[in-house]
Amino acid sequence: MNKPLSREFYARDALTVARALLGKTLLHGETGGVIVETEAYIGPGDRACHAWGGKRTKRTEPLFGESGYAYVYLIYGMYCCLNVVTGGADEPQCVLIRALQPYLGLETMTARRGGRPERELCRGPGKLCQALDITRELNARDMTFGDFLILDGPGVPEDRIAVSKRIGIDYAGEAKDYPWRFFLKGEPWVSR
């Protein structure tokens, strides 16, 4: 079995980590899948990042901590999103895990997602959190050990990686156009 990613893996800038996470395996309990889509959020200078302008609140506190910890928050008051903190302490950066190719615990994930087809189980950040039962209770959890982590795996060749602007951040001024979304070309698991 592949080893969990180390704290050192995450202790780099979010753009580097976002690309490097493609092809790695996210696990929570008996469920999991291969990461096929990510987005980078780069601290106070990134209007789309929750730490934009140095904003530090109880909600955003995990972003200012050590790398390799989960930052889980609600969107639209009902869907969780999973980010992993990158950079270093007081360098609020993170990578949003946007989509997985599910393979472990498919029956469990299908039940959690109301019988949806396999292709739709983890195709988007809210969907993958529902499928893997990733809730706010996992916020600020260390992801370098235990039953909630990302396992190392083979790297993905650069020619398989596509780059685009991030999704769903039209409020973020010019930051909405930053090409900080990374995904595997031709994968049916990538969000629309």
C-alpha atoms as a PDB file:
ATOM      1  CA  MET A   1       0.000   0.000   0.000  1.00  0.00           C
ATOM      2  CA  ASN A   2       1.198   3.529  -0.765  1.00  0.00           C
ATOM      3  CA  LYS A   3       2.276   5.717   2.133  1.00  0.00           C
ATOM      4  CA  PRO A   4       0.413   8.831   3.309  1.00  0.00           C
ATOM      5  CA  LEU A   5       1.735  12.087   1.907  1.00  0.00           C
ATOM      6  CA  SER A   6       4.140  13.761   4.307  1.00  0.00           C
ATOM      7  CA  ARG A   7       3.906  17.201   5.853  1.00  0.00           C
ATOM      8  CA  GLU A   8       6.847  18.188   3.617  1.00  0.00           C
ATOM      9  CA  PHE A   9       4.784  17.324   0.516  1.00  0.00           C
ATOM     10  CA  TYR A  10       2.181  19.918   1.532  1.00  0.00           C
ATOM     11  CA  ALA A  11       4.725  22.508   2.733  1.00  0.00           C
ATOM     12  CA  ARG A  12       5.013  24.035  -0.736  1.00  0.00           C
ATOM     13  CA  ASP A  13       3.010  26.666  -2.571  1.00  0.00           C
ATOM     14  CA  ALA A  14      -0.569  25.731  -3.456  1.00  0.00           C
ATOM     15  CA  LEU A  15       0.011  25.837  -7.223  1.00  0.00           C
ATOM     16  CA  THR A  16       2.744  23.205  -6.967  1.00  0.00           C
ATOM     17  CA  VAL A  17       0.729  21.020  -4.593  1.00  0.00           C
ATOM     18  CA  ALA A  18      -2.471  21.311  -6.670  1.00  0.00           C
ATOM     19  CA  ARG A  19      -0.711  19.792  -9.688  1.00  0.00           C
ATOM     20  CA  ALA A  20       1.146  17.206  -7.609  1.00  0.00           C
ATOM     21  CA  LEU A  21      -2.076  15.928  -5.970  1.00  0.00           C
ATOM     22  CA  LEU A  22      -3.456  14.712  -9.303  1.00  0.00           C
ATOM     23  CA  GLY A  23      -3.272  10.917  -9.365  1.00  0.00           C
ATOM     24  CA  LYS A  24      -2.979  10.593  -5.570  1.00  0.00           C
ATOM     25  CA  THR A  25      -5.657   8.753  -3.552  1.00  0.00           C
ATOM     26  CA  LEU A  26      -7.965  10.470  -1.049  1.00  0.00           C
ATOM     27  CA  LEU A  27      -9.272   8.129   1.663  1.00  0.00           C
ATOM     28  CA  HIS A  28     -11.801   8.546   4.435  1.00  0.00           C
ATOM     29  CA  GLY A  29     -12.594   5.404   6.358  1.00  0.00           C
ATOM     30  CA  GLU A  30     -13.554   2.644   3.938  1.00  0.00           C
ATOM     31  CA  THR A  31     -14.184   4.995   0.999  1.00  0.00           C
ATOM     32  CA  GLY A  32     -11.880   6.720  -1.440  1.00  0.00           C
ATOM     33  CA  GLY A  33     -10.785   7.541  -4.936  1.00  0.00           C
ATOM     34  CA  VAL A  34      -8.079   8.972  -7.167  1.00  0.00           C
ATOM     35  CA  ILE A  35      -7.854  12.768  -7.316  1.00  0.00           C
ATOM     36  CA  VAL A  36      -8.583  13.969 -10.861  1.00  0.00           C
ATOM     37  CA  GLU A  37      -9.281  17.697 -10.297  1.00  0.00           C
ATOM     38  CA  THR A  38      -7.956  20.397  -7.949  1.00  0.00           C
ATOM     39  CA  GLU A  39      -7.876  24.177  -7.528  1.00  0.00           C
ATOM     40  CA  ALA A  40      -5.219  26.334  -5.854  1.00  0.00           C
ATOM     41  CA  TYR A  41      -5.986  29.246  -3.503  1.00  0.00           C
ATOM     42  CA  ILE A  42      -3.058  31.516  -2.684  1.00  0.00           C
ATOM     43  CA  GLY A  43      -3.567  33.544   0.475  1.00  0.00           C
ATOM     44  CA  PRO A  44      -4.067  37.244   1.096  1.00  0.00           C
ATOM     45  CA  GLY A  45      -3.398  38.340  -2.493  1.00  0.00           C
ATOM     46  CA  ASP A  46      -5.985  35.971  -4.010  1.00  0.00           C
ATOM     47  CA  ARG A  47      -9.445  37.529  -3.857  1.00  0.00           C
ATOM     48  CA  ALA A  48     -11.028  34.047  -4.198  1.00  0.00           C
ATOM     49  CA  CYS A  49      -9.170  32.714  -1.134  1.00  0.00           C
ATOM     50  CA  HIS A  50     -10.940  32.853   2.224  1.00  0.00           C
ATOM     51  CA  ALA A  51      -7.807  34.536   3.628  1.00  0.00           C
ATOM     52  CA  TRP A  52      -7.958  37.345   1.050  1.00  0.00           C
ATOM     53  CA  GLY A  53      -6.652  40.604   2.448  1.00  0.00           C
ATOM     54  CA  GLY A  54      -5.277  38.777   5.508  1.00  0.00           C
ATOM     55  CA  LYS A  55      -8.783  37.994   6.805  1.00  0.00           C
ATOM     56  CA  ARG A  56      -8.390  35.725   9.808  1.00  0.00           C
ATOM     57  CA  THR A  57     -11.506  34.403  11.514  1.00  0.00           C
ATOM     58  CA  LYS A  58     -12.504  31.373  13.538  1.00  0.00           C
ATOM     59  CA  ARG A  59     -13.660  29.770  10.277  1.00  0.00           C
ATOM     60  CA  THR A  60     -10.399  30.461   8.406  1.00  0.00           C
ATOM     61  CA  GLU A  61      -8.027  29.652  11.272  1.00  0.00           C
ATOM     62  CA  PRO A  62      -6.923  26.266   9.815  1.00  0.00           C
ATOM     63  CA  LEU A  63      -5.606  28.108   6.740  1.00  0.00           C
ATOM     64  CA  PHE A  64      -3.080  29.927   8.919  1.00  0.00           C
ATOM     65  CA  GLY A  65      -1.807  26.741  10.536  1.00  0.00           C
ATOM     66  CA  GLU A  66       0.614  24.029   9.607  1.00  0.00           C
ATOM     67  CA  SER A  67       0.478  22.404   6.176  1.00  0.00           C
ATOM     68  CA  GLY A  68      -1.163  19.011   5.727  1.00  0.00           C
ATOM     69  CA  TYR A  69      -4.327  19.819   7.695  1.00  0.00           C
ATOM     70  CA  ALA A  70      -7.875  19.778   6.382  1.00  0.00           C
ATOM     71  CA  TYR A  71      -9.851  22.963   5.846  1.00  0.00           C
ATOM     72  CA  VAL A  72     -13.500  21.905   5.522  1.00  0.00           C
ATOM     73  CA  TYR A  73     -16.217  24.516   5.166  1.00  0.00           C
ATOM     74  CA  LEU A  74     -19.835  24.815   4.035  1.00  0.00           C
ATOM     75  CA  ILE A  75     -20.957  26.434   0.802  1.00  0.00           C
ATOM     76  CA  TYR A  76     -24.552  27.519   0.206  1.00  0.00           C
ATOM     77  CA  GLY A  77     -25.151  26.551   3.844  1.00  0.00           C
ATOM     78  CA  MET A  78     -25.410  22.862   2.978  1.00  0.00           C
ATOM     79  CA  TYR A  79     -22.449  21.375   1.059  1.00  0.00           C
ATOM     80  CA  CYS A  80     -19.004  20.717   2.495  1.00  0.00           C
ATOM     81  CA  CYS A  81     -15.828  21.376   0.543  1.00  0.00           C
ATOM     82  CA  LEU A  82     -12.472  19.791   1.368  1.00  0.00           C
ATOM     83  CA  ASN A  83      -9.233  21.712   1.084  1.00  0.00           C
ATOM     84  CA  VAL A  84      -5.808  20.683   2.278  1.00  0.00           C
ATOM     85  CA  VAL A  85      -3.623  23.433   3.761  1.00  0.00           C
ATOM     86  CA  THR A  86      -0.332  24.073   1.969  1.00  0.00           C
ATOM     87  CA  GLY A  87       2.613  26.417   2.407  1.00  0.00           C
ATOM     88  CA  GLY A  88       3.575  27.012   6.010  1.00  0.00           C
ATOM     89  CA  ALA A  89       2.265  28.498   9.229  1.00  0.00           C
ATOM     90  CA  ASP A  90       0.875  32.005   8.699  1.00  0.00           C
ATOM     91  CA  GLU A  91       0.993  31.487   4.896  1.00  0.00           C
ATOM     92  CA  PRO A  92      -2.715  30.815   4.249  1.00  0.00           C
ATOM     93  CA  GLN A  93      -2.804  28.699   1.113  1.00  0.00           C
ATOM     94  CA  CYS A  94      -4.814  25.618   0.267  1.00  0.00           C
ATOM     95  CA  VAL A  95      -5.856  23.225  -2.457  1.00  0.00           C
ATOM     96  CA  LEU A  96      -9.517  22.423  -3.047  1.00  0.00           C
ATOM     97  CA  ILE A  97     -10.122  18.786  -3.973  1.00  0.00           C
ATOM     98  CA  ARG A  98     -12.752  19.140  -6.735  1.00  0.00           C
ATOM     99  CA  ALA A  99     -13.244  15.608  -8.084  1.00  0.00           C
ATOM    100  CA  LEU A 100     -12.258  11.964  -7.648  1.00  0.00           C
ATOM    101  CA  GLN A 101     -12.430   8.774  -9.633  1.00  0.00           C
ATOM    102  CA  PRO A 102     -14.147   6.669  -6.935  1.00  0.00           C
ATOM    103  CA  TYR A 103     -13.003   3.092  -6.423  1.00  0.00           C
ATOM    104  CA  LEU A 104     -13.064   2.131  -2.742  1.00  0.00           C
ATOM    105  CA  GLY A 105     -16.396   1.603  -0.972  1.00  0.00           C
ATOM    106  CA  LEU A 106     -18.537   2.146  -4.051  1.00  0.00           C
ATOM    107  CA  GLU A 107     -21.689   0.678  -2.456  1.00  0.00           C
ATOM    108  CA  THR A 108     -21.337   2.934   0.568  1.00  0.00           C
ATOM    109  CA  MET A 109     -20.708   6.010  -1.567  1.00  0.00           C
ATOM    110  CA  THR A 110     -23.635   5.164  -3.851  1.00  0.00           C
ATOM    111  CA  ALA A 111     -25.957   4.888  -0.828  1.00  0.00           C
ATOM    112  CA  ARG A 112     -24.713   8.220   0.568  1.00  0.00           C
ATOM    113  CA  ARG A 113     -25.338   9.853  -2.814  1.00  0.00           C
ATOM    114  CA  GLY A 114     -28.887   8.514  -3.131  1.00  0.00           C
ATOM    115  CA  GLY A 115     -28.188   5.827  -5.725  1.00  0.00           C
ATOM    116  CA  ARG A 116     -26.461   8.114  -8.220  1.00  0.00           C
ATOM    117  CA  PRO A 117     -24.433   6.437 -10.989  1.00  0.00           C
ATOM    118  CA  GLU A 118     -20.753   5.820 -10.278  1.00  0.00           C
ATOM    119  CA  ARG A 119     -19.708   8.602 -12.650  1.00  0.00           C
ATOM    120  CA  GLU A 120     -21.649  11.142 -10.541  1.00  0.00           C
ATOM    121  CA  LEU A 121     -20.480  10.030  -7.083  1.00  0.00           C
ATOM    122  CA  CYS A 122     -17.474  12.359  -6.698  1.00  0.00           C
ATOM    123  CA  ARG A 123     -17.804  14.744  -9.635  1.00  0.00           C
ATOM    124  CA  GLY A 124     -17.591  18.038  -7.772  1.00  0.00           C
ATOM    125  CA  PRO A 125     -16.393  19.163  -4.329  1.00  0.00           C
ATOM    126  CA  GLY A 126     -19.761  18.898  -2.542  1.00  0.00           C
ATOM    127  CA  LYS A 127     -20.533  15.540  -4.111  1.00  0.00           C
ATOM    128  CA  LEU A 128     -17.215  13.980  -3.142  1.00  0.00           C
ATOM    129  CA  CYS A 129     -17.599  15.201   0.446  1.00  0.00           C
ATOM    130  CA  GLN A 130     -21.069  13.668   0.635  1.00  0.00           C
ATOM    131  CA  ALA A 131     -19.857  10.378  -0.899  1.00  0.00           C
ATOM    132  CA  LEU A 132     -16.868  10.101   1.473  1.00  0.00           C
ATOM    133  CA  ASP A 133     -18.790  11.483   4.497  1.00  0.00           C
ATOM    134  CA  ILE A 134     -16.413  14.438   4.855  1.00  0.00           C
ATOM    135  CA  THR A 135     -18.096  16.879   7.213  1.00  0.00           C
ATOM    136  CA  ARG A 136     -17.161  19.970   9.221  1.00  0.00           C
ATOM    137  CA  GLU A 137     -16.191  17.609  12.048  1.00  0.00           C
ATOM    138  CA  LEU A 138     -13.051  16.865  10.012  1.00  0.00           C
ATOM    139  CA  ASN A 139     -12.064  20.537   9.810  1.00  0.00           C
ATOM    140  CA  ALA A 140      -8.519  21.130  11.111  1.00  0.00           C
ATOM    141  CA  ARG A 141      -7.784  17.369  11.114  1.00  0.00           C
ATOM    142  CA  ASP A 142      -4.201  16.322  10.400  1.00  0.00           C
ATOM    143  CA  MET A 143      -4.239  14.511   7.044  1.00  0.00           C
ATOM    144  CA  THR A 144      -0.769  12.954   7.315  1.00  0.00           C
ATOM    145  CA  PHE A 145      -1.940   9.859   9.238  1.00  0.00           C
ATOM    146  CA  GLY A 146      -5.068   8.005  10.353  1.00  0.00           C
ATOM    147  CA  ASP A 147      -8.180   7.123   8.367  1.00  0.00           C
ATOM    148  CA  PHE A 148      -8.569  10.517   6.644  1.00  0.00           C
ATOM    149  CA  LEU A 149      -5.585  11.212   4.415  1.00  0.00           C
ATOM    150  CA  ILE A 150      -4.103  11.271   0.946  1.00  0.00           C
ATOM    151  CA  LEU A 151      -1.880   8.427  -0.196  1.00  0.00           C
ATOM    152  CA  ASP A 152       1.108   8.863  -2.455  1.00  0.00           C
ATOM    153  CA  GLY A 153       1.023   7.336  -5.891  1.00  0.00           C
ATOM    154  CA  PRO A 154       2.630   7.592  -9.293  1.00  0.00           C
ATOM    155  CA  GLY A 155       3.036  11.055 -10.702  1.00  0.00           C
ATOM    156  CA  VAL A 156       0.933  12.227 -13.616  1.00  0.00           C
ATOM    157  CA  PRO A 157       2.794  13.204 -16.818  1.00  0.00           C
ATOM    158  CA  GLU A 158       2.503  16.916 -17.635  1.00  0.00           C
ATOM    159  CA  ASP A 159       0.873  16.165 -20.983  1.00  0.00           C
ATOM    160  CA  ARG A 160      -2.112  14.607 -19.154  1.00  0.00           C
ATOM    161  CA  ILE A 161      -2.763  17.753 -17.080  1.00  0.00           C
ATOM    162  CA  ALA A 162      -5.166  20.430 -18.319  1.00  0.00           C
ATOM    163  CA  VAL A 163      -5.297  23.928 -16.833  1.00  0.00           C
ATOM    164  CA  SER A 164      -8.221  26.362 -16.684  1.00  0.00           C
ATOM    165  CA  LYS A 165      -9.662  29.158 -14.607  1.00  0.00           C
ATOM    166  CA  ARG A 166     -11.321  28.174 -11.327  1.00  0.00           C
ATOM    167  CA  ILE A 167     -15.030  27.439 -11.098  1.00  0.00           C
ATOM    168  CA  GLY A 168     -17.789  29.290  -9.229  1.00  0.00           C
ATOM    169  CA  ILE A 169     -15.850  32.366  -8.108  1.00  0.00           C
ATOM    170  CA  ASP A 170     -17.318  35.107 -10.289  1.00  0.00           C
ATOM    171  CA  TYR A 171     -17.280  37.443  -7.255  1.00  0.00           C
ATOM    172  CA  ALA A 172     -13.456  37.416  -7.141  1.00  0.00           C
ATOM    173  CA  GLY A 173     -12.636  40.213  -9.597  1.00  0.00           C
ATOM    174  CA  GLU A 174      -9.600  39.466 -11.751  1.00  0.00           C
ATOM    175  CA  ALA A 175      -8.813  36.405  -9.592  1.00  0.00           C
ATOM    176  CA  LYS A 176     -11.753  34.602 -11.224  1.00  0.00           C
ATOM    177  CA  ASP A 177      -9.628  34.310 -14.362  1.00  0.00           C
ATOM    178  CA  TYR A 178      -6.439  32.952 -12.776  1.00  0.00           C
ATOM    179  CA  PRO A 179      -5.562  29.603 -14.410  1.00  0.00           C
ATOM    180  CA  TRP A 180      -5.334  27.741 -11.112  1.00  0.00           C
ATOM    181  CA  ARG A 181      -7.618  24.750 -11.784  1.00  0.00           C
ATOM    182  CA  PHE A 182      -5.873  21.505 -12.721  1.00  0.00           C
ATOM    183  CA  PHE A 183      -7.488  18.331 -14.012  1.00  0.00           C
ATOM    184  CA  LEU A 184      -6.717  15.155 -15.906  1.00  0.00           C
ATOM    185  CA  LYS A 185      -7.550  15.389 -19.604  1.00  0.00           C
ATOM    186  CA  GLY A 186     -10.311  13.168 -20.894  1.00  0.00           C
ATOM    187  CA  GLU A 187     -11.393  11.860 -17.485  1.00  0.00           C
ATOM    188  CA  PRO A 188     -15.186  11.390 -17.163  1.00  0.00           C
ATOM    189  CA  TRP A 189     -14.901  11.977 -13.403  1.00  0.00           C
ATOM    190  CA  VAL A 190     -13.898  15.665 -13.744  1.00  0.00           C
ATOM    191  CA  SER A 191     -16.641  18.145 -12.770  1.00  0.00           C
ATOM    192  CA  ARG A 192     -18.496  19.947 -15.541  1.00  0.00           C
END
